[in-house]
């Protein structure tokens, strides 16, 4: 829905001007659509990755308990099981910090990939 809103916010005049200049569909896509949707796409992708990575509710619904058997574990459900089934709170806290660092590095990678962090002199 967020990406659709970003697509609808692009003015038709950009596409009309590109058509007059003889741009193909792919040129319009790569030179108009992608750069103008990029500010909307970055937060949507970052939040989507974090929410998917921390999707413990699916494991809980499928197995009836967070963690279930080891075959159904993801990192977050294993963390939950270590804390609340095995009472290994310090292990779970350290594990949560590692998961946070991993998600933080993914977010920084996407920020660098999309050139979202620029100083005022570079814009």
PDB file of N, CA and C in Angstrom:
ATOM      1  N   UNK A   1       0.836  -1.185   0.000  1.00  0.00           N
ATOM      2  CA  UNK A   1       0.000   0.000   0.000  1.00  0.00           C
ATOM      3  C   UNK A   1       0.877   1.242   0.000  1.00  0.00           C
ATOM      4  N   UNK A   2       1.965   1.206   0.758  1.00  0.00           N
ATOM      5  CA  UNK A   2       2.859   2.358   0.820  1.00  0.00           C
ATOM      6  C   UNK A   2       3.511   2.597  -0.536  1.00  0.00           C
ATOM      7  N   UNK A   3       3.944   1.527  -1.181  1.00  0.00           N
ATOM      8  CA  UNK A   3       4.587   1.662  -2.490  1.00  0.00           C
ATOM      9  C   UNK A   3       3.575   2.136  -3.532  1.00  0.00           C
ATOM     10  N   UNK A   4       2.344   1.660  -3.441  1.00  0.00           N
ATOM     11  CA  UNK A   4       1.298   2.120  -4.357  1.00  0.00           C
ATOM     12  C   UNK A   4       1.057   3.617  -4.186  1.00  0.00           C
ATOM     13  N   UNK A   5       1.072   4.093  -2.951  1.00  0.00           N
ATOM     14  CA  UNK A   5       0.942   5.528  -2.706  1.00  0.00           C
ATOM     15  C   UNK A   5       2.091   6.307  -3.316  1.00  0.00           C
ATOM     16  N   UNK A   6       3.302   5.753  -3.224  1.00  0.00           N
ATOM     17  CA  UNK A   6       4.450   6.404  -3.845  1.00  0.00           C
ATOM     18  C   UNK A   6       4.340   6.436  -5.357  1.00  0.00           C
ATOM     19  N   UNK A   7       3.831   5.351  -5.946  1.00  0.00           N
ATOM     20  CA  UNK A   7       3.644   5.319  -7.400  1.00  0.00           C
ATOM     21  C   UNK A   7       2.585   6.318  -7.848  1.00  0.00           C
ATOM     22  N   UNK A   8       1.523   6.450  -7.071  1.00  0.00           N
ATOM     23  CA  UNK A   8       0.456   7.375  -7.444  1.00  0.00           C
ATOM     24  C   UNK A   8       0.858   8.832  -7.255  1.00  0.00           C
ATOM     25  N   UNK A   9       1.891   9.089  -6.465  1.00  0.00           N
ATOM     26  CA  UNK A   9       2.322  10.469  -6.247  1.00  0.00           C
ATOM     27  C   UNK A   9       3.202  10.993  -7.382  1.00  0.00           C
ATOM     28  N   UNK A  10       3.623  10.128  -8.296  1.00  0.00           N
ATOM     29  CA  UNK A  10       4.450  10.561  -9.426  1.00  0.00           C
ATOM     30  C   UNK A  10       3.549  11.239 -10.457  1.00  0.00           C
ATOM     31  N   UNK A  11       3.921  12.438 -10.823  1.00  0.00           N
ATOM     32  CA  UNK A  11       3.124  13.212 -11.772  1.00  0.00           C
ATOM     33  C   UNK A  11       3.195  12.599 -13.175  1.00  0.00           C
ATOM     34  N   UNK A  12       2.076  12.603 -13.852  1.00  0.00           N
ATOM     35  CA  UNK A  12       1.997  12.066 -15.213  1.00  0.00           C
ATOM     36  C   UNK A  12       2.819  12.911 -16.185  1.00  0.00           C
ATOM     37  N   UNK A  13       3.089  14.169 -15.840  1.00  0.00           N
ATOM     38  CA  UNK A  13       3.845  15.040 -16.744  1.00  0.00           C
ATOM     39  C   UNK A  13       5.267  14.526 -16.979  1.00  0.00           C
ATOM     40  N   UNK A  14       5.851  13.833 -15.995  1.00  0.00           N
ATOM     41  CA  UNK A  14       7.179  13.241 -16.200  1.00  0.00           C
ATOM     42  C   UNK A  14       7.137  12.200 -17.315  1.00  0.00           C
ATOM     43  N   UNK A  15       6.116  11.362 -17.277  1.00  0.00           N
ATOM     44  CA  UNK A  15       5.992  10.310 -18.289  1.00  0.00           C
ATOM     45  C   UNK A  15       5.652  10.897 -19.656  1.00  0.00           C
ATOM     46  N   UNK A  16       4.822  11.940 -19.673  1.00  0.00           N
ATOM     47  CA  UNK A  16       4.489  12.588 -20.940  1.00  0.00           C
ATOM     48  C   UNK A  16       5.727  13.213 -21.578  1.00  0.00           C
ATOM     49  N   UNK A  17       6.543  13.887 -20.766  1.00  0.00           N
ATOM     50  CA  UNK A  17       7.767  14.499 -21.291  1.00  0.00           C
ATOM     51  C   UNK A  17       8.736  13.437 -21.793  1.00  0.00           C
ATOM     52  N   UNK A  18       8.827  12.321 -21.079  1.00  0.00           N
ATOM     53  CA  UNK A  18       9.715  11.239 -21.518  1.00  0.00           C
ATOM     54  C   UNK A  18       9.214  10.613 -22.813  1.00  0.00           C
ATOM     55  N   UNK A  19       7.894  10.496 -22.974  1.00  0.00           N
ATOM     56  CA  UNK A  19       7.338   9.950 -24.218  1.00  0.00           C
ATOM     57  C   UNK A  19       7.632  10.867 -25.393  1.00  0.00           C
ATOM     58  N   UNK A  20       7.526  12.167 -25.169  1.00  0.00           N
ATOM     59  CA  UNK A  20       7.828  13.128 -26.235  1.00  0.00           C
ATOM     60  C   UNK A  20       9.302  13.031 -26.634  1.00  0.00           C
ATOM     61  N   UNK A  21      10.169  12.799 -25.646  1.00  0.00           N
ATOM     62  CA  UNK A  21      11.601  12.667 -25.930  1.00  0.00           C
ATOM     63  C   UNK A  21      11.966  11.310 -26.518  1.00  0.00           C
ATOM     64  N   UNK A  22      11.000  10.382 -26.601  1.00  0.00           N
ATOM     65  CA  UNK A  22      11.236   9.085 -27.220  1.00  0.00           C
ATOM     66  C   UNK A  22      11.754   8.017 -26.269  1.00  0.00           C
ATOM     67  N   UNK A  23      11.457   8.143 -24.982  1.00  0.00           N
ATOM     68  CA  UNK A  23      11.926   7.150 -24.006  1.00  0.00           C
ATOM     69  C   UNK A  23      11.092   5.880 -24.107  1.00  0.00           C
ATOM     70  N   UNK A  24      11.760   4.745 -23.942  1.00  0.00           N
ATOM     71  CA  UNK A  24      11.052   3.466 -23.952  1.00  0.00           C
ATOM     72  C   UNK A  24      10.454   3.211 -22.567  1.00  0.00           C
ATOM     73  N   UNK A  25       9.709   2.107 -22.463  1.00  0.00           N
ATOM     74  CA  UNK A  25       9.089   1.747 -21.181  1.00  0.00           C
ATOM     75  C   UNK A  25      10.148   1.539 -20.099  1.00  0.00           C
ATOM     76  N   UNK A  26      11.225   0.836 -20.445  1.00  0.00           N
ATOM     77  CA  UNK A  26      12.265   0.543 -19.456  1.00  0.00           C
ATOM     78  C   UNK A  26      13.045   1.794 -19.073  1.00  0.00           C
ATOM     79  N   UNK A  27      13.233   2.708 -20.010  1.00  0.00           N
ATOM     80  CA  UNK A  27      13.887   3.968 -19.673  1.00  0.00           C
ATOM     81  C   UNK A  27      13.027   4.780 -18.714  1.00  0.00           C
ATOM     82  N   UNK A  28      11.725   4.790 -18.938  1.00  0.00           N
ATOM     83  CA  UNK A  28      10.828   5.478 -18.002  1.00  0.00           C
ATOM     84  C   UNK A  28      10.875   4.824 -16.627  1.00  0.00           C
ATOM     85  N   UNK A  29      10.925   3.500 -16.633  1.00  0.00           N
ATOM     86  CA  UNK A  29      10.961   2.770 -15.366  1.00  0.00           C
ATOM     87  C   UNK A  29      12.230   3.094 -14.583  1.00  0.00           C
ATOM     88  N   UNK A  30      13.393   3.016 -15.246  1.00  0.00           N
ATOM     89  CA  UNK A  30      14.663   3.174 -14.541  1.00  0.00           C
ATOM     90  C   UNK A  30      15.055   4.624 -14.288  1.00  0.00           C
ATOM     91  N   UNK A  31      14.579   5.564 -15.095  1.00  0.00           N
ATOM     92  CA  UNK A  31      14.991   6.952 -14.930  1.00  0.00           C
ATOM     93  C   UNK A  31      13.928   7.845 -14.304  1.00  0.00           C
ATOM     94  N   UNK A  32      12.693   7.386 -14.250  1.00  0.00           N
ATOM     95  CA  UNK A  32      11.632   8.192 -13.635  1.00  0.00           C
ATOM     96  C   UNK A  32      11.039   7.480 -12.427  1.00  0.00           C
ATOM     97  N   UNK A  33      10.510   6.283 -12.646  1.00  0.00           N
ATOM     98  CA  UNK A  33       9.756   5.599 -11.589  1.00  0.00           C
ATOM     99  C   UNK A  33      10.637   5.207 -10.413  1.00  0.00           C
ATOM    100  N   UNK A  34      11.723   4.500 -10.673  1.00  0.00           N
ATOM    101  CA  UNK A  34      12.564   4.001  -9.577  1.00  0.00           C
ATOM    102  C   UNK A  34      13.160   5.138  -8.743  1.00  0.00           C
ATOM    103  N   UNK A  35      13.741   6.187  -9.343  1.00  0.00           N
ATOM    104  CA  UNK A  35      14.283   7.257  -8.496  1.00  0.00           C
ATOM    105  C   UNK A  35      13.218   7.994  -7.677  1.00  0.00           C
ATOM    106  N   UNK A  36      12.011   8.134  -8.218  1.00  0.00           N
ATOM    107  CA  UNK A  36      10.975   8.856  -7.481  1.00  0.00           C
ATOM    108  C   UNK A  36      10.283   7.993  -6.431  1.00  0.00           C
ATOM    109  N   UNK A  37      10.345   6.671  -6.566  1.00  0.00           N
ATOM    110  CA  UNK A  37       9.741   5.778  -5.574  1.00  0.00           C
ATOM    111  C   UNK A  37      10.762   5.382  -4.504  1.00  0.00           C
ATOM    112  N   UNK A  38      12.031   5.615  -4.761  1.00  0.00           N
ATOM    113  CA  UNK A  38      13.087   5.203  -3.836  1.00  0.00           C
ATOM    114  C   UNK A  38      12.894   5.728  -2.405  1.00  0.00           C
ATOM    115  N   UNK A  39      12.507   6.995  -2.182  1.00  0.00           N
ATOM    116  CA  UNK A  39      12.302   7.442  -0.796  1.00  0.00           C
ATOM    117  C   UNK A  39      11.178   6.701  -0.077  1.00  0.00           C
ATOM    118  N   UNK A  40      10.207   6.192  -0.806  1.00  0.00           N
ATOM    119  CA  UNK A  40       9.116   5.425  -0.202  1.00  0.00           C
ATOM    120  C   UNK A  40       9.520   3.964  -0.044  1.00  0.00           C
ATOM    121  N   UNK A  41      10.313   3.467  -0.967  1.00  0.00           N
ATOM    122  CA  UNK A  41      10.687   2.058  -0.989  1.00  0.00           C
ATOM    123  C   UNK A  41      11.628   1.678   0.151  1.00  0.00           C
ATOM    124  N   UNK A  42      12.540   2.561   0.513  1.00  0.00           N
ATOM    125  CA  UNK A  42      13.526   2.235   1.545  1.00  0.00           C
ATOM    126  C   UNK A  42      12.895   1.946   2.904  1.00  0.00           C
ATOM    127  N   UNK A  43      12.044   2.812   3.460  1.00  0.00           N
ATOM    128  CA  UNK A  43      11.431   2.456   4.752  1.00  0.00           C
ATOM    129  C   UNK A  43      10.526   1.231   4.658  1.00  0.00           C
ATOM    130  N   UNK A  44       9.836   1.069   3.535  1.00  0.00           N
ATOM    131  CA  UNK A  44       8.952  -0.089   3.385  1.00  0.00           C
ATOM    132  C   UNK A  44       9.758  -1.386   3.371  1.00  0.00           C
ATOM    133  N   UNK A  45      10.882  -1.407   2.670  1.00  0.00           N
ATOM    134  CA  UNK A  45      11.714  -2.609   2.626  1.00  0.00           C
ATOM    135  C   UNK A  45      12.368  -2.884   3.974  1.00  0.00           C
ATOM    136  N   UNK A  46      12.846  -1.839   4.640  1.00  0.00           N
ATOM    137  CA  UNK A  46      13.502  -2.023   5.935  1.00  0.00           C
ATOM    138  C   UNK A  46      12.525  -2.555   6.968  1.00  0.00           C
ATOM    139  N   UNK A  47      11.372  -1.925   7.074  1.00  0.00           N
ATOM    140  CA  UNK A  47      10.374  -2.390   8.042  1.00  0.00           C
ATOM    141  C   UNK A  47       9.854  -3.774   7.683  1.00  0.00           C
ATOM    142  N   UNK A  48       9.680  -4.042   6.405  1.00  0.00           N
ATOM    143  CA  UNK A  48       9.235  -5.370   5.987  1.00  0.00           C
ATOM    144  C   UNK A  48      10.226  -6.454   6.366  1.00  0.00           C
ATOM    145  N   UNK A  49      11.512  -6.167   6.203  1.00  0.00           N
ATOM    146  CA  UNK A  49      12.534  -7.154   6.576  1.00  0.00           C
ATOM    147  C   UNK A  49      12.559  -7.386   8.083  1.00  0.00           C
ATOM    148  N   UNK A  50      12.471  -6.318   8.854  1.00  0.00           N
ATOM    149  CA  UNK A  50      12.481  -6.456  10.316  1.00  0.00           C
ATOM    150  C   UNK A  50      11.247  -7.209  10.783  1.00  0.00           C
ATOM    151  N   UNK A  51      10.094  -6.870  10.253  1.00  0.00           N
ATOM    152  CA  UNK A  51       8.856  -7.546  10.665  1.00  0.00           C
ATOM    153  C   UNK A  51       8.864  -9.016  10.250  1.00  0.00           C
ATOM    154  N   UNK A  52       9.400  -9.312   9.080  1.00  0.00           N
ATOM    155  CA  UNK A  52       9.476 -10.701   8.638  1.00  0.00           C
ATOM    156  C   UNK A  52      10.469 -11.488   9.482  1.00  0.00           C
ATOM    157  N   UNK A  53      11.580 -10.867   9.802  1.00  0.00           N
ATOM    158  CA  UNK A  53      12.608 -11.528  10.594  1.00  0.00           C
ATOM    159  C   UNK A  53      12.096 -11.852  11.999  1.00  0.00           C
ATOM    160  N   UNK A  54      11.275 -10.990  12.556  1.00  0.00           N
ATOM    161  CA  UNK A  54      10.750 -11.172  13.912  1.00  0.00           C
ATOM    162  C   UNK A  54       9.353 -11.775  13.904  1.00  0.00           C
ATOM    163  N   UNK A  55       9.046 -12.610  12.962  1.00  0.00           N
ATOM    164  CA  UNK A  55       7.702 -13.142  12.774  1.00  0.00           C
ATOM    165  C   UNK A  55       7.472 -14.382  13.635  1.00  0.00           C
ATOM    166  N   UNK A  56       7.459 -14.193  14.940  1.00  0.00           N
ATOM    167  CA  UNK A  56       7.298 -15.314  15.864  1.00  0.00           C
ATOM    168  C   UNK A  56       5.849 -15.790  15.918  1.00  0.00           C
ATOM    169  N   UNK A  57       4.902 -14.930  15.565  1.00  0.00           N
ATOM    170  CA  UNK A  57       3.494 -15.326  15.673  1.00  0.00           C
ATOM    171  C   UNK A  57       3.131 -16.478  14.733  1.00  0.00           C
ATOM    172  N   UNK A  58       3.790 -16.596  13.586  1.00  0.00           N
ATOM    173  CA  UNK A  58       3.508 -17.715  12.681  1.00  0.00           C
ATOM    174  C   UNK A  58       3.947 -19.031  13.323  1.00  0.00           C
ATOM    175  N   UNK A  59       5.118 -19.042  13.918  1.00  0.00           N
ATOM    176  CA  UNK A  59       5.601 -20.246  14.607  1.00  0.00           C
ATOM    177  C   UNK A  59       4.666 -20.599  15.754  1.00  0.00           C
ATOM    178  N   UNK A  60       4.213 -19.590  16.474  1.00  0.00           N
ATOM    179  CA  UNK A  60       3.310 -19.831  17.599  1.00  0.00           C
ATOM    180  C   UNK A  60       1.981 -20.424  17.122  1.00  0.00           C
ATOM    181  N   UNK A  61       1.435 -19.905  16.033  1.00  0.00           N
ATOM    182  CA  UNK A  61       0.158 -20.413  15.530  1.00  0.00           C
ATOM    183  C   UNK A  61       0.280 -21.819  14.945  1.00  0.00           C
ATOM    184  N   UNK A  62       1.390 -22.118  14.291  1.00  0.00           N
ATOM    185  CA  UNK A  62       1.560 -23.426  13.663  1.00  0.00           C
ATOM    186  C   UNK A  62       1.832 -24.512  14.696  1.00  0.00           C
ATOM    187  N   UNK A  63       2.696 -24.224  15.667  1.00  0.00           N
ATOM    188  CA  UNK A  63       3.106 -25.255  16.617  1.00  0.00           C
ATOM    189  C   UNK A  63       2.332 -25.222  17.920  1.00  0.00           C
ATOM    190  N   UNK A  64       1.600 -24.160  18.185  1.00  0.00           N
ATOM    191  CA  UNK A  64       0.849 -24.059  19.436  1.00  0.00           C
ATOM    192  C   UNK A  64       1.655 -23.502  20.581  1.00  0.00           C
ATOM    193  N   UNK A  65       2.911 -23.266  20.372  1.00  0.00           N
ATOM    194  CA  UNK A  65       3.756 -22.653  21.395  1.00  0.00           C
ATOM    195  C   UNK A  65       4.903 -21.942  20.688  1.00  0.00           C
ATOM    196  N   UNK A  66       5.436 -20.919  21.326  1.00  0.00           N
ATOM    197  CA  UNK A  66       6.565 -20.216  20.732  1.00  0.00           C
ATOM    198  C   UNK A  66       7.781 -21.118  20.816  1.00  0.00           C
ATOM    199  N   UNK A  67       8.335 -21.427  19.712  1.00  0.00           N
ATOM    200  CA  UNK A  67       9.489 -22.317  19.684  1.00  0.00           C
ATOM    201  C   UNK A  67       9.111 -23.682  19.172  1.00  0.00           C
ATOM    202  N   UNK A  68       8.099 -24.281  19.741  1.00  0.00           N
ATOM    203  CA  UNK A  68       7.677 -25.600  19.285  1.00  0.00           C
ATOM    204  C   UNK A  68       8.818 -26.590  19.314  1.00  0.00           C
ATOM    205  N   UNK A  69       8.929 -27.350  18.271  1.00  0.00           N
ATOM    206  CA  UNK A  69      10.063 -28.262  18.142  1.00  0.00           C
ATOM    207  C   UNK A  69      11.202 -27.524  17.460  1.00  0.00           C
ATOM    208  N   UNK A  70      12.376 -28.095  17.514  1.00  0.00           N
ATOM    209  CA  UNK A  70      13.536 -27.425  16.927  1.00  0.00           C
ATOM    210  C   UNK A  70      13.422 -27.298  15.407  1.00  0.00           C
ATOM    211  N   UNK A  71      12.626 -28.148  14.777  1.00  0.00           N
ATOM    212  CA  UNK A  71      12.478 -28.076  13.327  1.00  0.00           C
ATOM    213  C   UNK A  71      11.739 -26.812  12.896  1.00  0.00           C
ATOM    214  N   UNK A  72      10.931 -26.241  13.774  1.00  0.00           N
ATOM    215  CA  UNK A  72      10.135 -25.071  13.413  1.00  0.00           C
ATOM    216  C   UNK A  72      10.740 -23.772  13.924  1.00  0.00           C
ATOM    217  N   UNK A  73      11.934 -23.815  14.495  1.00  0.00           N
ATOM    218  CA  UNK A  73      12.522 -22.618  15.091  1.00  0.00           C
ATOM    219  C   UNK A  73      13.081 -21.667  14.048  1.00  0.00           C
ATOM    220  N   UNK A  74      12.850 -20.393  14.301  1.00  0.00           N
ATOM    221  CA  UNK A  74      13.584 -19.323  13.654  1.00  0.00           C
ATOM    222  C   UNK A  74      14.377 -18.657  14.769  1.00  0.00           C
ATOM    223  N   UNK A  75      15.200 -17.685  14.453  1.00  0.00           N
ATOM    224  CA  UNK A  75      16.052 -17.102  15.489  1.00  0.00           C
ATOM    225  C   UNK A  75      15.255 -16.536  16.656  1.00  0.00           C
ATOM    226  N   UNK A  76      14.179 -15.831  16.361  1.00  0.00           N
ATOM    227  CA  UNK A  76      13.423 -15.181  17.427  1.00  0.00           C
ATOM    228  C   UNK A  76      12.661 -16.200  18.269  1.00  0.00           C
ATOM    229  N   UNK A  77      12.144 -17.256  17.664  1.00  0.00           N
ATOM    230  CA  UNK A  77      11.449 -18.268  18.466  1.00  0.00           C
ATOM    231  C   UNK A  77      12.438 -19.071  19.311  1.00  0.00           C
ATOM    232  N   UNK A  78      13.645 -19.291  18.805  1.00  0.00           N
ATOM    233  CA  UNK A  78      14.675 -19.951  19.614  1.00  0.00           C
ATOM    234  C   UNK A  78      15.076 -19.071  20.787  1.00  0.00           C
ATOM    235  N   UNK A  79      15.129 -17.784  20.559  1.00  0.00           N
ATOM    236  CA  UNK A  79      15.426 -16.836  21.631  1.00  0.00           C
ATOM    237  C   UNK A  79      14.338 -16.877  22.698  1.00  0.00           C
ATOM    238  N   UNK A  80      13.096 -16.869  22.270  1.00  0.00           N
ATOM    239  CA  UNK A  80      11.962 -16.919  23.198  1.00  0.00           C
ATOM    240  C   UNK A  80      11.984 -18.217  24.004  1.00  0.00           C
ATOM    241  N   UNK A  81      12.238 -19.318  23.322  1.00  0.00           N
ATOM    242  CA  UNK A  81      12.251 -20.614  24.005  1.00  0.00           C
ATOM    243  C   UNK A  81      13.395 -20.693  25.013  1.00  0.00           C
ATOM    244  N   UNK A  82      14.560 -20.157  24.651  1.00  0.00           N
ATOM    245  CA  UNK A  82      15.693 -20.179  25.581  1.00  0.00           C
ATOM    246  C   UNK A  82      15.388 -19.371  26.834  1.00  0.00           C
ATOM    247  N   UNK A  83      14.672 -18.265  26.673  1.00  0.00           N
ATOM    248  CA  UNK A  83      14.375 -17.422  27.833  1.00  0.00           C
ATOM    249  C   UNK A  83      13.265 -18.006  28.690  1.00  0.00           C
ATOM    250  N   UNK A  84      12.167 -18.410  28.094  1.00  0.00           N
ATOM    251  CA  UNK A  84      10.978 -18.728  28.880  1.00  0.00           C
ATOM    252  C   UNK A  84      10.715 -20.217  29.062  1.00  0.00           C
ATOM    253  N   UNK A  85      11.387 -21.075  28.314  1.00  0.00           N
ATOM    254  CA  UNK A  85      11.251 -22.516  28.533  1.00  0.00           C
ATOM    255  C   UNK A  85      12.428 -23.049  29.346  1.00  0.00           C
ATOM    256  N   UNK A  86      13.634 -22.613  28.961  1.00  0.00           N
ATOM    257  CA  UNK A  86      14.842 -23.118  29.618  1.00  0.00           C
ATOM    258  C   UNK A  86      15.393 -22.160  30.674  1.00  0.00           C
ATOM    259  N   UNK A  87      14.758 -21.004  30.869  1.00  0.00           N
ATOM    260  CA  UNK A  87      15.165 -19.998  31.869  1.00  0.00           C
ATOM    261  C   UNK A  87      16.625 -19.566  31.705  1.00  0.00           C
ATOM    262  N   UNK A  88      17.047 -19.409  30.471  1.00  0.00           N
ATOM    263  CA  UNK A  88      18.409 -18.939  30.179  1.00  0.00           C
ATOM    264  C   UNK A  88      18.323 -17.484  29.731  1.00  0.00           C
ATOM    265  N   UNK A  89      18.101 -16.602  30.704  1.00  0.00           N
ATOM    266  CA  UNK A  89      17.838 -15.197  30.406  1.00  0.00           C
ATOM    267  C   UNK A  89      19.070 -14.468  29.879  1.00  0.00           C
ATOM    268  N   UNK A  90      20.227 -14.735  30.441  1.00  0.00           N
ATOM    269  CA  UNK A  90      21.432 -14.055  29.967  1.00  0.00           C
ATOM    270  C   UNK A  90      21.779 -14.496  28.541  1.00  0.00           C
ATOM    271  N   UNK A  91      21.606 -15.770  28.247  1.00  0.00           N
ATOM    272  CA  UNK A  91      21.828 -16.280  26.893  1.00  0.00           C
ATOM    273  C   UNK A  91      20.866 -15.605  25.917  1.00  0.00           C
ATOM    274  N   UNK A  92      19.612 -15.482  26.316  1.00  0.00           N
ATOM    275  CA  UNK A  92      18.614 -14.858  25.445  1.00  0.00           C
ATOM    276  C   UNK A  92      18.899 -13.381  25.238  1.00  0.00           C
ATOM    277  N   UNK A  93      19.365 -12.702  26.287  1.00  0.00           N
ATOM    278  CA  UNK A  93      19.702 -11.286  26.145  1.00  0.00           C
ATOM    279  C   UNK A  93      20.863 -11.104  25.172  1.00  0.00           C
ATOM    280  N   UNK A  94      21.881 -11.935  25.284  1.00  0.00           N
ATOM    281  CA  UNK A  94      23.010 -11.853  24.357  1.00  0.00           C
ATOM    282  C   UNK A  94      22.571 -12.196  22.933  1.00  0.00           C
ATOM    283  N   UNK A  95      21.711 -13.182  22.811  1.00  0.00           N
ATOM    284  CA  UNK A  95      21.175 -13.583  21.512  1.00  0.00           C
ATOM    285  C   UNK A  95      20.366 -12.444  20.890  1.00  0.00           C
ATOM    286  N   UNK A  96      19.580 -11.750  21.715  1.00  0.00           N
ATOM    287  CA  UNK A  96      18.779 -10.626  21.223  1.00  0.00           C
ATOM    288  C   UNK A  96      19.672  -9.490  20.738  1.00  0.00           C
ATOM    289  N   UNK A  97      20.782  -9.262  21.411  1.00  0.00           N
ATOM    290  CA  UNK A  97      21.712  -8.225  20.965  1.00  0.00           C
ATOM    291  C   UNK A  97      22.322  -8.604  19.620  1.00  0.00           C
ATOM    292  N   UNK A  98      22.645  -9.862  19.433  1.00  0.00           N
ATOM    293  CA  UNK A  98      23.195 -10.316  18.149  1.00  0.00           C
ATOM    294  C   UNK A  98      22.158 -10.167  17.035  1.00  0.00           C
ATOM    295  N   UNK A  99      20.910 -10.502  17.317  1.00  0.00           N
ATOM    296  CA  UNK A  99      19.841 -10.334  16.329  1.00  0.00           C
ATOM    297  C   UNK A  99      19.673  -8.857  15.986  1.00  0.00           C
ATOM    298  N   UNK A 100      19.730  -7.986  17.006  1.00  0.00           N
ATOM    299  CA  UNK A 100      19.625  -6.545  16.767  1.00  0.00           C
ATOM    300  C   UNK A 100      20.765  -6.059  15.882  1.00  0.00           C
ATOM    301  N   UNK A 101      21.988  -6.484  16.178  1.00  0.00           N
ATOM    302  CA  UNK A 101      23.140  -6.063  15.369  1.00  0.00           C
ATOM    303  C   UNK A 101      22.986  -6.539  13.928  1.00  0.00           C
ATOM    304  N   UNK A 102      22.512  -7.758  13.738  1.00  0.00           N
ATOM    305  CA  UNK A 102      22.290  -8.284  12.394  1.00  0.00           C
ATOM    306  C   UNK A 102      21.268  -7.436  11.632  1.00  0.00           C
ATOM    307  N   UNK A 103      20.145  -7.113  12.273  1.00  0.00           N
ATOM    308  CA  UNK A 103      19.130  -6.287  11.617  1.00  0.00           C
ATOM    309  C   UNK A 103      19.634  -4.866  11.383  1.00  0.00           C
ATOM    310  N   UNK A 104      20.431  -4.356  12.301  1.00  0.00           N
ATOM    311  CA  UNK A 104      21.014  -3.029  12.135  1.00  0.00           C
ATOM    312  C   UNK A 104      21.940  -2.998  10.923  1.00  0.00           C
ATOM    313  N   UNK A 105      22.758  -4.031  10.760  1.00  0.00           N
ATOM    314  CA  UNK A 105      23.664  -4.089   9.615  1.00  0.00           C
ATOM    315  C   UNK A 105      22.899  -4.197   8.295  1.00  0.00           C
ATOM    316  N   UNK A 106      21.809  -4.939   8.293  1.00  0.00           N
ATOM    317  CA  UNK A 106      20.970  -5.008   7.091  1.00  0.00           C
ATOM    318  C   UNK A 106      20.410  -3.628   6.758  1.00  0.00           C
ATOM    319  N   UNK A 107      19.941  -2.911   7.769  1.00  0.00           N
ATOM    320  CA  UNK A 107      19.387  -1.576   7.546  1.00  0.00           C
ATOM    321  C   UNK A 107      20.451  -0.616   7.031  1.00  0.00           C
ATOM    322  N   UNK A 108      21.649  -0.657   7.602  1.00  0.00           N
ATOM    323  CA  UNK A 108      22.736   0.204   7.131  1.00  0.00           C
ATOM    324  C   UNK A 108      23.112  -0.139   5.694  1.00  0.00           C
ATOM    325  N   UNK A 109      23.135  -1.428   5.369  1.00  0.00           N
ATOM    326  CA  UNK A 109      23.435  -1.842   4.000  1.00  0.00           C
ATOM    327  C   UNK A 109      22.417  -1.256   3.025  1.00  0.00           C
ATOM    328  N   UNK A 110      21.124  -1.323   3.388  1.00  0.00           N
ATOM    329  CA  UNK A 110      20.110  -0.763   2.497  1.00  0.00           C
ATOM    330  C   UNK A 110      20.217   0.749   2.402  1.00  0.00           C
ATOM    331  N   UNK A 111      20.554   1.419   3.497  1.00  0.00           N
ATOM    332  CA  UNK A 111      20.737   2.865   3.440  1.00  0.00           C
ATOM    333  C   UNK A 111      21.879   3.227   2.501  1.00  0.00           C
ATOM    334  N   UNK A 112      22.967   2.488   2.578  1.00  0.00           N
ATOM    335  CA  UNK A 112      24.106   2.754   1.691  1.00  0.00           C
ATOM    336  C   UNK A 112      23.772   2.390   0.248  1.00  0.00           C
ATOM    337  N   UNK A 113      23.061   1.296   0.042  1.00  0.00           N
ATOM    338  CA  UNK A 113      22.717   0.863  -1.306  1.00  0.00           C
ATOM    339  C   UNK A 113      21.816   1.872  -2.001  1.00  0.00           C
ATOM    340  N   UNK A 114      20.854   2.398  -1.281  1.00  0.00           N
ATOM    341  CA  UNK A 114      19.914   3.341  -1.873  1.00  0.00           C
ATOM    342  C   UNK A 114      20.399   4.781  -1.811  1.00  0.00           C
ATOM    343  N   UNK A 115      21.589   5.021  -1.293  1.00  0.00           N
ATOM    344  CA  UNK A 115      22.128   6.378  -1.138  1.00  0.00           C
ATOM    345  C   UNK A 115      21.153   7.280  -0.396  1.00  0.00           C
ATOM    346  N   UNK A 116      20.547   6.763   0.650  1.00  0.00           N
ATOM    347  CA  UNK A 116      19.550   7.531   1.387  1.00  0.00           C
ATOM    348  C   UNK A 116      20.195   8.543   2.318  1.00  0.00           C
ATOM    349  N   UNK A 117      21.418   8.280   2.735  1.00  0.00           N
ATOM    350  CA  UNK A 117      22.095   9.189   3.651  1.00  0.00           C
ATOM    351  C   UNK A 117      23.078  10.016   2.841  1.00  0.00           C
ATOM    352  N   UNK A 118      22.722  11.272   2.618  1.00  0.00           N
ATOM    353  CA  UNK A 118      23.582  12.186   1.885  1.00  0.00           C
ATOM    354  C   UNK A 118      23.653  13.486   2.667  1.00  0.00           C
ATOM    355  N   UNK A 119      24.786  14.121   2.594  1.00  0.00           N
ATOM    356  CA  UNK A 119      24.896  15.425   3.240  1.00  0.00           C
ATOM    357  C   UNK A 119      24.223  16.468   2.355  1.00  0.00           C
ATOM    358  N   UNK A 120      24.028  17.662   2.889  1.00  0.00           N
ATOM    359  CA  UNK A 120      23.369  18.720   2.119  1.00  0.00           C
ATOM    360  C   UNK A 120      24.216  19.166   0.932  1.00  0.00           C
ATOM    361  N   UNK A 121      25.535  19.010   1.012  1.00  0.00           N
ATOM    362  CA  UNK A 121      26.409  19.401  -0.091  1.00  0.00           C
ATOM    363  C   UNK A 121      26.301  18.456  -1.278  1.00  0.00           C
ATOM    364  N   UNK A 122      25.933  17.200  -1.035  1.00  0.00           N
ATOM    365  CA  UNK A 122      25.851  16.210  -2.109  1.00  0.00           C
ATOM    366  C   UNK A 122      24.532  16.261  -2.858  1.00  0.00           C
ATOM    367  N   UNK A 123      23.523  16.875  -2.298  1.00  0.00           N
ATOM    368  CA  UNK A 123      22.198  16.886  -2.941  1.00  0.00           C
ATOM    369  C   UNK A 123      22.081  17.952  -3.969  1.00  0.00           C
TER     370      UNK A 123
END
